[in-house]
Amino acid sequence: GGAVYKAAPPPRAESESAASSSSLRRASTASRSAGGRPTGVGLMLMQNASPDGGFEVYIDSIQNRAAQDQGVRVGDVVRWVDSRDVTNHRAFEVRSLLIGKVGSQVHLTLQRAGLCICGTPGKEGACRCQGMFEVILTR
């Protein structure tokens, strides 16, 4: 892993009226219970209307220390869950993909505006600045 630079502030709802509209929804993936029942990964998701008329689901809060340790931040946009593209999915749809058997893993591809990841600082071409990165979380 390399260093992470230039994280942009998290996206915010346009106004209070937007918070009450159907274009803005919350969905929690916090653990529901133990004992073999389905559980989440401790992320609170929020959705905003995207410029193309679809939806963009981003992380609104984190209750999972392992996710924080892997670099997940409030405002990161969820682009893929395991091998499924979740662009233009609603928060509740993304949440359902994060729920699973306790102890199982989920692969997330996240996007952060302004993010550059450098594997070898100072070497030309060593930085990826498209803002996409992957984490593996355990439910």
C-alpha atoms as a PDB file:
ATOM      1  CA  GLY A   1       0.000   0.000   0.000  1.00  0.00           C
ATOM      2  CA  GLY A   2       1.073   3.520  -0.652  1.00  0.00           C
ATOM      3  CA  ALA A   3       0.364   6.930   0.686  1.00  0.00           C
ATOM      4  CA  VAL A   4      -2.985   8.626   0.142  1.00  0.00           C
ATOM      5  CA  TYR A   5      -3.129  12.311  -0.744  1.00  0.00           C
ATOM      6  CA  LYS A   6      -5.618  15.139  -1.259  1.00  0.00           C
ATOM      7  CA  ALA A   7      -8.910  13.766   0.047  1.00  0.00           C
ATOM      8  CA  ALA A   8     -11.793  16.050  -0.869  1.00  0.00           C
ATOM      9  CA  PRO A   9     -14.482  16.931   1.667  1.00  0.00           C
ATOM     10  CA  PRO A  10     -17.508  14.614   1.728  1.00  0.00           C
ATOM     11  CA  PRO A  11     -20.459  15.426  -0.521  1.00  0.00           C
ATOM     12  CA  ARG A  12     -23.315  17.198   1.189  1.00  0.00           C
ATOM     13  CA  ALA A  13     -27.026  17.430   0.500  1.00  0.00           C
ATOM     14  CA  GLU A  14     -27.879  20.590  -1.428  1.00  0.00           C
ATOM     15  CA  SER A  15     -30.403  21.857   1.116  1.00  0.00           C
ATOM     16  CA  GLU A  16     -32.712  20.825   3.931  1.00  0.00           C
ATOM     17  CA  SER A  17     -35.484  20.344   1.392  1.00  0.00           C
ATOM     18  CA  ALA A  18     -33.224  17.899  -0.454  1.00  0.00           C
ATOM     19  CA  ALA A  19     -32.890  15.885   2.751  1.00  0.00           C
ATOM     20  CA  SER A  20     -36.630  15.347   2.827  1.00  0.00           C
ATOM     21  CA  SER A  21     -36.924  14.506  -0.878  1.00  0.00           C
ATOM     22  CA  SER A  22     -36.829  11.026  -2.354  1.00  0.00           C
ATOM     23  CA  SER A  23     -33.451  11.767  -3.973  1.00  0.00           C
ATOM     24  CA  LEU A  24     -31.701  11.534  -0.606  1.00  0.00           C
ATOM     25  CA  ARG A  25     -31.889   8.308   1.418  1.00  0.00           C
ATOM     26  CA  ARG A  26     -29.945   6.641   4.230  1.00  0.00           C
ATOM     27  CA  ALA A  27     -29.300   2.955   4.651  1.00  0.00           C
ATOM     28  CA  SER A  28     -27.361   1.343   7.473  1.00  0.00           C
ATOM     29  CA  THR A  29     -25.171  -1.727   7.075  1.00  0.00           C
ATOM     30  CA  ALA A  30     -24.389  -1.965  10.771  1.00  0.00           C
ATOM     31  CA  SER A  31     -24.279  -5.417  12.273  1.00  0.00           C
ATOM     32  CA  ARG A  32     -27.776  -6.697  13.012  1.00  0.00           C
ATOM     33  CA  SER A  33     -26.949  -9.686  15.160  1.00  0.00           C
ATOM     34  CA  ALA A  34     -24.563 -12.537  15.736  1.00  0.00           C
ATOM     35  CA  GLY A  35     -25.284 -16.237  15.764  1.00  0.00           C
ATOM     36  CA  GLY A  36     -25.228 -16.969  12.034  1.00  0.00           C
ATOM     37  CA  ARG A  37     -27.728 -14.285  11.067  1.00  0.00           C
ATOM     38  CA  PRO A  38     -26.894 -11.849   8.270  1.00  0.00           C
ATOM     39  CA  THR A  39     -24.810  -8.842   9.223  1.00  0.00           C
ATOM     40  CA  GLY A  40     -23.383  -5.768   7.545  1.00  0.00           C
ATOM     41  CA  VAL A  41     -20.019  -4.027   7.532  1.00  0.00           C
ATOM     42  CA  GLY A  42     -20.766  -1.052   9.790  1.00  0.00           C
ATOM     43  CA  LEU A  43     -21.225   1.642   7.151  1.00  0.00           C
ATOM     44  CA  MET A  44     -24.057   4.178   6.942  1.00  0.00           C
ATOM     45  CA  LEU A  45     -24.867   4.924   3.314  1.00  0.00           C
ATOM     46  CA  MET A  46     -26.479   7.999   1.784  1.00  0.00           C
ATOM     47  CA  GLN A  47     -27.596   8.638  -1.762  1.00  0.00           C
ATOM     48  CA  ASN A  48     -27.719  11.807  -3.810  1.00  0.00           C
ATOM     49  CA  ALA A  49     -29.073  12.391  -7.278  1.00  0.00           C
ATOM     50  CA  SER A  50     -26.137  12.311  -9.701  1.00  0.00           C
ATOM     51  CA  PRO A  51     -25.679  14.813 -12.542  1.00  0.00           C
ATOM     52  CA  ASP A  52     -26.651  12.159 -15.112  1.00  0.00           C
ATOM     53  CA  GLY A  53     -30.067  11.703 -13.493  1.00  0.00           C
ATOM     54  CA  GLY A  54     -29.193   8.514 -11.627  1.00  0.00           C
ATOM     55  CA  PHE A  55     -27.961   8.003  -8.087  1.00  0.00           C
ATOM     56  CA  GLU A  56     -24.640   8.144  -6.306  1.00  0.00           C
ATOM     57  CA  VAL A  57     -24.285   6.229  -3.033  1.00  0.00           C
ATOM     58  CA  TYR A  58     -21.668   7.482  -0.611  1.00  0.00           C
ATOM     59  CA  ILE A  59     -20.515   6.662   2.909  1.00  0.00           C
ATOM     60  CA  ASP A  60     -22.130   8.963   5.469  1.00  0.00           C
ATOM     61  CA  SER A  61     -20.678   7.472   8.664  1.00  0.00           C
ATOM     62  CA  ILE A  62     -18.425   4.594   9.675  1.00  0.00           C
ATOM     63  CA  GLN A  63     -18.894   2.324  12.710  1.00  0.00           C
ATOM     64  CA  ASN A  64     -16.220  -0.158  11.601  1.00  0.00           C
ATOM     65  CA  ARG A  65     -12.641   0.410  12.804  1.00  0.00           C
ATOM     66  CA  ALA A  66     -11.254  -2.024  10.211  1.00  0.00           C
ATOM     67  CA  ALA A  67     -12.830   0.049   7.423  1.00  0.00           C
ATOM     68  CA  GLN A  68     -11.252   3.206   8.848  1.00  0.00           C
ATOM     69  CA  ASP A  69      -7.883   1.454   9.140  1.00  0.00           C
ATOM     70  CA  GLN A  70      -8.085   0.521   5.437  1.00  0.00           C
ATOM     71  CA  GLY A  71      -8.613   4.156   4.469  1.00  0.00           C
ATOM     72  CA  VAL A  72     -12.397   4.266   4.076  1.00  0.00           C
ATOM     73  CA  ARG A  73     -13.598   7.810   4.751  1.00  0.00           C
ATOM     74  CA  VAL A  74     -16.903   9.615   5.021  1.00  0.00           C
ATOM     75  CA  GLY A  75     -17.761  10.889   1.540  1.00  0.00           C
ATOM     76  CA  ASP A  76     -16.252   7.961  -0.388  1.00  0.00           C
ATOM     77  CA  VAL A  77     -18.571   6.910  -3.220  1.00  0.00           C
ATOM     78  CA  VAL A  78     -19.366   3.179  -3.568  1.00  0.00           C
ATOM     79  CA  ARG A  79     -18.768   2.096  -7.194  1.00  0.00           C
ATOM     80  CA  TRP A  80     -18.513  -1.726  -6.991  1.00  0.00           C
ATOM     81  CA  VAL A  81     -19.552  -4.336  -4.419  1.00  0.00           C
ATOM     82  CA  ASP A  82     -17.719  -7.590  -5.061  1.00  0.00           C
ATOM     83  CA  SER A  83     -17.926  -7.914  -8.862  1.00  0.00           C
ATOM     84  CA  ARG A  84     -21.128  -5.894  -9.243  1.00  0.00           C
ATOM     85  CA  ASP A  85     -21.180  -2.334 -10.608  1.00  0.00           C
ATOM     86  CA  VAL A  86     -23.495  -0.321  -8.334  1.00  0.00           C
ATOM     87  CA  THR A  87     -23.374   2.938 -10.283  1.00  0.00           C
ATOM     88  CA  ASN A  88     -26.888   4.440 -10.276  1.00  0.00           C
ATOM     89  CA  HIS A  89     -28.145   2.000  -7.632  1.00  0.00           C
ATOM     90  CA  ARG A  90     -30.070   3.299  -4.646  1.00  0.00           C
ATOM     91  CA  ALA A  91     -28.660   3.170  -1.104  1.00  0.00           C
ATOM     92  CA  PHE A  92     -30.993   0.335  -0.031  1.00  0.00           C
ATOM     93  CA  GLU A  93     -29.851  -1.749  -3.028  1.00  0.00           C
ATOM     94  CA  VAL A  94     -26.173  -1.257  -2.190  1.00  0.00           C
ATOM     95  CA  ARG A  95     -26.900  -1.991   1.484  1.00  0.00           C
ATOM     96  CA  SER A  96     -28.476  -5.335   0.578  1.00  0.00           C
ATOM     97  CA  LEU A  97     -25.246  -6.335  -1.205  1.00  0.00           C
ATOM     98  CA  LEU A  98     -23.204  -5.556   1.917  1.00  0.00           C
ATOM     99  CA  ILE A  99     -25.290  -7.819   4.168  1.00  0.00           C
ATOM    100  CA  GLY A 100     -24.028 -11.376   4.499  1.00  0.00           C
ATOM    101  CA  LYS A 101     -22.900 -14.204   6.735  1.00  0.00           C
ATOM    102  CA  VAL A 102     -20.887 -13.191   9.807  1.00  0.00           C
ATOM    103  CA  GLY A 103     -17.183 -13.643   9.040  1.00  0.00           C
ATOM    104  CA  SER A 104     -17.569 -13.505   5.253  1.00  0.00           C
ATOM    105  CA  GLN A 105     -15.758 -10.871   3.210  1.00  0.00           C
ATOM    106  CA  VAL A 106     -16.972  -8.197   0.828  1.00  0.00           C
ATOM    107  CA  HIS A 107     -14.808  -6.362  -1.723  1.00  0.00           C
ATOM    108  CA  LEU A 108     -15.629  -2.677  -2.192  1.00  0.00           C
ATOM    109  CA  THR A 109     -14.341  -0.390  -4.898  1.00  0.00           C
ATOM    110  CA  LEU A 110     -14.659   3.180  -3.698  1.00  0.00           C
ATOM    111  CA  GLN A 111     -14.020   6.529  -5.333  1.00  0.00           C
ATOM    112  CA  ARG A 112     -12.768   9.664  -3.639  1.00  0.00           C
ATOM    113  CA  ALA A 113     -12.619  12.999  -5.437  1.00  0.00           C
ATOM    114  CA  GLY A 114      -9.112  14.412  -5.636  1.00  0.00           C
ATOM    115  CA  LEU A 115      -7.476  11.194  -4.412  1.00  0.00           C
ATOM    116  CA  CYS A 116      -4.018  10.201  -5.587  1.00  0.00           C
ATOM    117  CA  ILE A 117      -2.413   6.962  -4.402  1.00  0.00           C
ATOM    118  CA  CYS A 118       1.372   6.797  -4.784  1.00  0.00           C
ATOM    119  CA  GLY A 119       3.130   3.454  -4.473  1.00  0.00           C
ATOM    120  CA  THR A 120       6.622   4.954  -4.662  1.00  0.00           C
ATOM    121  CA  PRO A 121       6.688   8.649  -3.762  1.00  0.00           C
ATOM    122  CA  GLY A 122       8.960  10.725  -6.001  1.00  0.00           C
ATOM    123  CA  LYS A 123       8.950   8.321  -8.965  1.00  0.00           C
ATOM    124  CA  GLU A 124       7.264   9.654 -12.080  1.00  0.00           C
ATOM    125  CA  GLY A 125       4.210   7.646 -13.112  1.00  0.00           C
ATOM    126  CA  ALA A 126       3.964   5.994  -9.703  1.00  0.00           C
ATOM    127  CA  CYS A 127       0.727   7.798  -8.739  1.00  0.00           C
ATOM    128  CA  ARG A 128      -2.815   6.815  -9.704  1.00  0.00           C
ATOM    129  CA  CYS A 129      -5.122   9.817  -9.513  1.00  0.00           C
ATOM    130  CA  GLN A 130      -8.411   8.460 -10.801  1.00  0.00           C
ATOM    131  CA  GLY A 131      -9.660   8.291  -7.240  1.00  0.00           C
ATOM    132  CA  MET A 132     -10.624   4.586  -7.252  1.00  0.00           C
ATOM    133  CA  PHE A 133      -9.388   2.165  -4.602  1.00  0.00           C
ATOM    134  CA  GLU A 134     -10.423  -1.217  -3.213  1.00  0.00           C
ATOM    135  CA  VAL A 135     -10.892  -2.468   0.323  1.00  0.00           C
ATOM    136  CA  ILE A 136     -11.880  -5.869   1.686  1.00  0.00           C
ATOM    137  CA  LEU A 137     -14.121  -5.810   4.757  1.00  0.00           C
ATOM    138  CA  THR A 138     -15.221  -8.674   6.987  1.00  0.00           C
ATOM    139  CA  ARG A 139     -18.869  -8.842   7.996  1.00  0.00           C
END
